[in-house]
Amino acid sequence: MSAIDDTRKLLQDFLAPELRAITVRLDTLEKRIDGIDRKIDGNQSEIMAALRQVTDYAAVLSRLSKLEARLPEHAQ
């Protein structure tokens, strides 16, 4: 066998299956990472919604405090 044939056989017998196995593993990891990304995006949306509620609540409390400050002393 020539060196070219030996190299070709090595690539076919060893490297090609290994590369396929690595590709399958990388595809699996990519899917898992995509799933984690979706979870993070969902959690981020929930957190932002909760922060908006807190901000809205704080704004209402601030306005209520200002209104209470305007009331005459005996009406409180």
N, C-alpha and C. Protein backbone atom coordinates (compact mmCIF):
# COMPACT_ATOMS: atom_id res chain seq x y z
N MET A 1 0.83 -1.19 0.00
CA MET A 1 0.00 0.00 0.00
C MET A 1 0.87 1.25 0.00
N SER A 2 0.41 2.22 -0.70
CA SER A 2 1.16 3.47 -0.74
C SER A 2 0.77 4.33 0.45
N ALA A 3 1.52 5.35 0.68
CA ALA A 3 1.25 6.27 1.79
C ALA A 3 -0.11 6.94 1.63
N ILE A 4 -0.48 7.23 0.39
CA ILE A 4 -1.78 7.86 0.13
C ILE A 4 -2.90 6.90 0.50
N ASP A 5 -2.76 5.64 0.11
CA ASP A 5 -3.78 4.65 0.45
C ASP A 5 -3.88 4.45 1.96
N ASP A 6 -2.72 4.42 2.62
CA ASP A 6 -2.71 4.27 4.08
C ASP A 6 -3.41 5.44 4.76
N THR A 7 -3.14 6.62 4.26
CA THR A 7 -3.76 7.82 4.83
C THR A 7 -5.26 7.81 4.60
N ARG A 8 -5.66 7.44 3.40
CA ARG A 8 -7.08 7.37 3.06
C ARG A 8 -7.79 6.36 3.96
N LYS A 9 -7.17 5.21 4.16
CA LYS A 9 -7.77 4.17 5.01
C LYS A 9 -7.87 4.65 6.45
N LEU A 10 -6.84 5.32 6.94
CA LEU A 10 -6.87 5.86 8.29
C LEU A 10 -8.01 6.85 8.45
N LEU A 11 -8.17 7.72 7.48
CA LEU A 11 -9.25 8.70 7.53
C LEU A 11 -10.62 8.02 7.51
N GLN A 12 -10.78 7.04 6.67
CA GLN A 12 -12.06 6.36 6.56
C GLN A 12 -12.36 5.50 7.78
N ASP A 13 -11.35 4.83 8.28
CA ASP A 13 -11.57 3.89 9.38
C ASP A 13 -11.63 4.56 10.75
N PHE A 14 -10.90 5.62 10.93
CA PHE A 14 -10.83 6.20 12.26
C PHE A 14 -11.43 7.60 12.35
N LEU A 15 -10.96 8.49 11.54
CA LEU A 15 -11.37 9.89 11.68
C LEU A 15 -12.82 10.13 11.28
N ALA A 16 -13.28 9.56 10.21
CA ALA A 16 -14.65 9.81 9.75
C ALA A 16 -15.68 9.41 10.81
N PRO A 17 -15.61 8.20 11.39
CA PRO A 17 -16.58 7.86 12.44
C PRO A 17 -16.45 8.76 13.67
N GLU A 18 -15.24 9.11 14.03
CA GLU A 18 -15.03 9.99 15.17
C GLU A 18 -15.64 11.36 14.92
N LEU A 19 -15.46 11.88 13.71
CA LEU A 19 -16.04 13.18 13.37
C LEU A 19 -17.56 13.12 13.41
N ARG A 20 -18.14 12.01 12.95
CA ARG A 20 -19.61 11.86 13.01
C ARG A 20 -20.08 11.83 14.46
N ALA A 21 -19.35 11.11 15.31
CA ALA A 21 -19.71 11.03 16.72
C ALA A 21 -19.61 12.41 17.39
N ILE A 22 -18.57 13.12 17.06
CA ILE A 22 -18.40 14.47 17.61
C ILE A 22 -19.53 15.38 17.13
N THR A 23 -19.91 15.25 15.88
CA THR A 23 -21.01 16.07 15.33
C THR A 23 -22.31 15.77 16.07
N VAL A 24 -22.57 14.50 16.33
CA VAL A 24 -23.79 14.13 17.06
C VAL A 24 -23.77 14.72 18.46
N ARG A 25 -22.64 14.64 19.12
CA ARG A 25 -22.53 15.19 20.48
C ARG A 25 -22.70 16.71 20.47
N LEU A 26 -22.11 17.37 19.49
CA LEU A 26 -22.25 18.82 19.39
C LEU A 26 -23.70 19.22 19.11
N ASP A 27 -24.38 18.46 18.26
CA ASP A 27 -25.79 18.73 17.99
C ASP A 27 -26.62 18.60 19.27
N THR A 28 -26.34 17.57 20.06
CA THR A 28 -27.05 17.36 21.32
C THR A 28 -26.80 18.52 22.28
N LEU A 29 -25.55 18.93 22.39
CA LEU A 29 -25.22 20.07 23.25
C LEU A 29 -25.90 21.34 22.78
N GLU A 30 -25.94 21.55 21.49
CA GLU A 30 -26.58 22.74 20.94
C GLU A 30 -28.07 22.77 21.30
N LYS A 31 -28.73 21.62 21.22
CA LYS A 31 -30.14 21.54 21.58
C LYS A 31 -30.35 21.84 23.05
N ARG A 32 -29.46 21.31 23.89
CA ARG A 32 -29.58 21.57 25.33
C ARG A 32 -29.36 23.05 25.63
N ILE A 33 -28.39 23.65 24.97
CA ILE A 33 -28.12 25.07 25.18
C ILE A 33 -29.30 25.91 24.72
N ASP A 34 -29.90 25.55 23.60
CA ASP A 34 -31.09 26.26 23.13
C ASP A 34 -32.22 26.17 24.15
N GLY A 35 -32.40 24.99 24.74
CA GLY A 35 -33.43 24.82 25.77
C GLY A 35 -33.16 25.69 26.99
N ILE A 36 -31.91 25.76 27.40
CA ILE A 36 -31.53 26.61 28.54
C ILE A 36 -31.75 28.08 28.19
N ASP A 37 -31.40 28.47 26.98
CA ASP A 37 -31.63 29.86 26.54
C ASP A 37 -33.11 30.22 26.61
N ARG A 38 -33.97 29.31 26.17
CA ARG A 38 -35.42 29.57 26.22
C ARG A 38 -35.89 29.74 27.66
N LYS A 39 -35.36 28.91 28.56
CA LYS A 39 -35.74 29.02 29.98
C LYS A 39 -35.28 30.36 30.54
N ILE A 40 -34.08 30.76 30.21
CA ILE A 40 -33.55 32.03 30.71
C ILE A 40 -34.39 33.19 30.17
N ASP A 41 -34.73 33.14 28.89
CA ASP A 41 -35.55 34.19 28.30
C ASP A 41 -36.91 34.26 28.99
N GLY A 42 -37.50 33.10 29.28
CA GLY A 42 -38.79 33.07 29.97
C GLY A 42 -38.68 33.63 31.37
N ASN A 43 -37.62 33.25 32.09
CA ASN A 43 -37.42 33.77 33.44
C ASN A 43 -37.17 35.27 33.42
N GLN A 44 -36.44 35.73 32.43
CA GLN A 44 -36.16 37.15 32.32
C GLN A 44 -37.46 37.92 32.10
N SER A 45 -38.34 37.39 31.28
CA SER A 45 -39.63 38.04 31.03
C SER A 45 -40.46 38.11 32.31
N GLU A 46 -40.46 37.02 33.07
CA GLU A 46 -41.20 37.01 34.34
C GLU A 46 -40.62 38.02 35.32
N ILE A 47 -39.31 38.09 35.39
CA ILE A 47 -38.66 39.03 36.31
C ILE A 47 -38.97 40.47 35.90
N MET A 48 -38.91 40.76 34.61
CA MET A 48 -39.21 42.11 34.15
C MET A 48 -40.66 42.49 34.45
N ALA A 49 -41.58 41.54 34.29
CA ALA A 49 -43.00 41.80 34.59
C ALA A 49 -43.15 42.09 36.08
N ALA A 50 -42.48 41.33 36.93
CA ALA A 50 -42.56 41.55 38.37
C ALA A 50 -41.97 42.91 38.75
N LEU A 51 -40.87 43.28 38.10
CA LEU A 51 -40.26 44.60 38.38
C LEU A 51 -41.20 45.74 37.96
N ARG A 52 -41.89 45.55 36.84
CA ARG A 52 -42.85 46.57 36.41
C ARG A 52 -43.97 46.72 37.43
N GLN A 53 -44.42 45.60 37.99
CA GLN A 53 -45.46 45.66 39.00
C GLN A 53 -44.97 46.39 40.25
N VAL A 54 -43.76 46.11 40.67
CA VAL A 54 -43.19 46.79 41.84
C VAL A 54 -43.05 48.27 41.56
N THR A 55 -42.58 48.60 40.38
CA THR A 55 -42.42 50.01 40.01
C THR A 55 -43.78 50.71 39.99
N ASP A 56 -44.78 50.06 39.42
CA ASP A 56 -46.13 50.63 39.40
C ASP A 56 -46.65 50.81 40.82
N TYR A 57 -46.43 49.82 41.68
CA TYR A 57 -46.88 49.89 43.06
C TYR A 57 -46.19 51.04 43.78
N ALA A 58 -44.89 51.20 43.56
CA ALA A 58 -44.14 52.29 44.20
C ALA A 58 -44.65 53.64 43.72
N ALA A 59 -45.00 53.75 42.45
CA ALA A 59 -45.52 55.01 41.92
C ALA A 59 -46.86 55.34 42.55
N VAL A 60 -47.71 54.33 42.71
CA VAL A 60 -49.02 54.55 43.34
C VAL A 60 -48.83 54.99 44.79
N LEU A 61 -47.92 54.34 45.50
CA LEU A 61 -47.67 54.72 46.89
C LEU A 61 -47.14 56.15 46.99
N SER A 62 -46.30 56.53 46.07
CA SER A 62 -45.76 57.89 46.07
C SER A 62 -46.86 58.91 45.83
N ARG A 63 -47.72 58.63 44.87
CA ARG A 63 -48.83 59.55 44.59
C ARG A 63 -49.79 59.62 45.78
N LEU A 64 -50.03 58.49 46.41
CA LEU A 64 -50.91 58.45 47.58
C LEU A 64 -50.32 59.26 48.72
N SER A 65 -49.03 59.15 48.93
CA SER A 65 -48.37 59.93 49.98
C SER A 65 -48.50 61.42 49.71
N LYS A 66 -48.34 61.83 48.47
CA LYS A 66 -48.47 63.24 48.12
C LYS A 66 -49.89 63.73 48.36
N LEU A 67 -50.87 62.90 47.99
CA LEU A 67 -52.26 63.28 48.22
C LEU A 67 -52.57 63.38 49.72
N GLU A 68 -52.06 62.43 50.49
CA GLU A 68 -52.28 62.47 51.93
C GLU A 68 -51.63 63.70 52.55
N ALA A 69 -50.51 64.12 52.03
CA ALA A 69 -49.82 65.31 52.55
C ALA A 69 -50.64 66.57 52.30
N ARG A 70 -51.48 66.58 51.28
CA ARG A 70 -52.31 67.74 50.96
C ARG A 70 -53.55 67.86 51.85
N LEU A 71 -53.96 66.72 52.42
CA LEU A 71 -55.19 66.72 53.22
C LEU A 71 -54.99 67.56 54.49
N PRO A 72 -56.07 68.23 54.92
CA PRO A 72 -55.98 68.97 56.18
C PRO A 72 -55.70 67.98 57.32
N GLU A 73 -55.14 68.49 58.39
CA GLU A 73 -54.70 67.65 59.49
C GLU A 73 -55.85 66.87 60.12
N HIS A 74 -57.03 67.45 60.27
CA HIS A 74 -58.14 66.76 60.91
C HIS A 74 -58.79 65.69 60.01
N ALA A 75 -58.58 65.75 58.72
CA ALA A 75 -59.19 64.79 57.81
C ALA A 75 -58.41 63.48 57.75
N GLN A 76 -57.18 63.47 58.23
CA GLN A 76 -56.36 62.27 58.17
C GLN A 76 -56.72 61.34 59.21
